[in-house]
Each structure stands twice: as structure tokens, then as C-alpha cells.
Amino acid sequence: MKKNGKKFISVFICLLLFSFVCFAIGYSMNIDINSNPNLSLGFWDVLSNNLKVNIMAILYAILSVGIYSLIYLAKEMFFLGVIIKSLKNTHSLFYAISFIGCHGIIEIPSMVLSGTIGIYVWINIIAYLKKKEFDFKFTITMFVVLLSMILIAAMVETTITPWFLKKYVI
């Protein structure tokens, strides 16, 4: 299990670095978009959307031998960079970061975690074919961690983020 945990962490760190690069590329672009974040979404709307997106990312990653994890993170982080830059250009960097800061601290790592789980399943499949070992327990544990992160991020996004924005930003 320790060996598999190290593999998982290695994949997570690689995907986190990849995500940072994609964000930086998006941020470096000068694409003006009219982005007015919706602060009136309800908890269940946010939770169901985030669950759907992350679970689909895992399933598509499994079906694509992990390739979808890269596509998913590249797309999401690139557009996050574009949105932050656009909000910074039209308002301020504080304004831009405020829209993702509170819940993004949890939601962004959860996105990377879902990509990692999708790739890690393939690492386990290969290990199973070689040695007849499949670390199902660790994979399920990481999935439960992911679900917990999505739940917490949805609570923060629908309570703390709007409160903070209304009190200090808008």
C-alpha cells in the first residue's frame, strides 16, 4: 500500500504541475470575456454539477487510458487562467481571486484528484495484469476523499464565497 500511495502522490503532483502550467498559459492570454460569476446558485445545483463533472472525468479517464485526465485538466485550468486574467483586467486582481479563492482552495485540488484517480485506476489495472494485485481499498479511499472535498467546496461556494464577495468585494 505504501508503494501504491507513493505512485498516487507522484501522479497527483505531476497533474498539479501540469494544471499550473495550463493555468499560466490561460492567464498569459489576452482574451476578454464577459464573466459575471453567478452568486445565486444553490447548494444542490453546485454540488450536483461538481459531482457530475468529477465523476465523468474519472469515467472518461478510465475509458481513455488516462488521456482524458490531461484533456480535462488542461481545459479547466486554461479557462480558469483566462477568466482570472479577464476579471483582473476589468476589475482588479483581488476581485478576480476573490471569486475563486474561498472554494477554489478545495475545488481545484479535487479536480486534480479526480484526474489522478482516473489515471491511478489504469496503474492498478496494469499492476493486476502483471502481478494479480489491485489496490481497490486505496482507490475507494481516495474516491471518498474526493467526494468529501466536493461536498465541502460546494458548501463554501454557496455560503462563504457569496458572503465574502458581498461584504468585501462587490
Foldseek 3Di string as FASTA:
>chain_A
DVVLVVVLVVQLVVLVVLLVVLLVQLLPDDDADDDDDDLPDDLVVQLVVLVVLLVVLLVVCLVVLLPSLSVSSSVVSSVLSNQCNNCCVVPRNCLSCLLCVFLVVLSVSLSSLSSSLSNSQSVQVVCCVVPVDHPPVVSVVSVVVSSVSSSVSSVCSNPVSVVCCVVPND
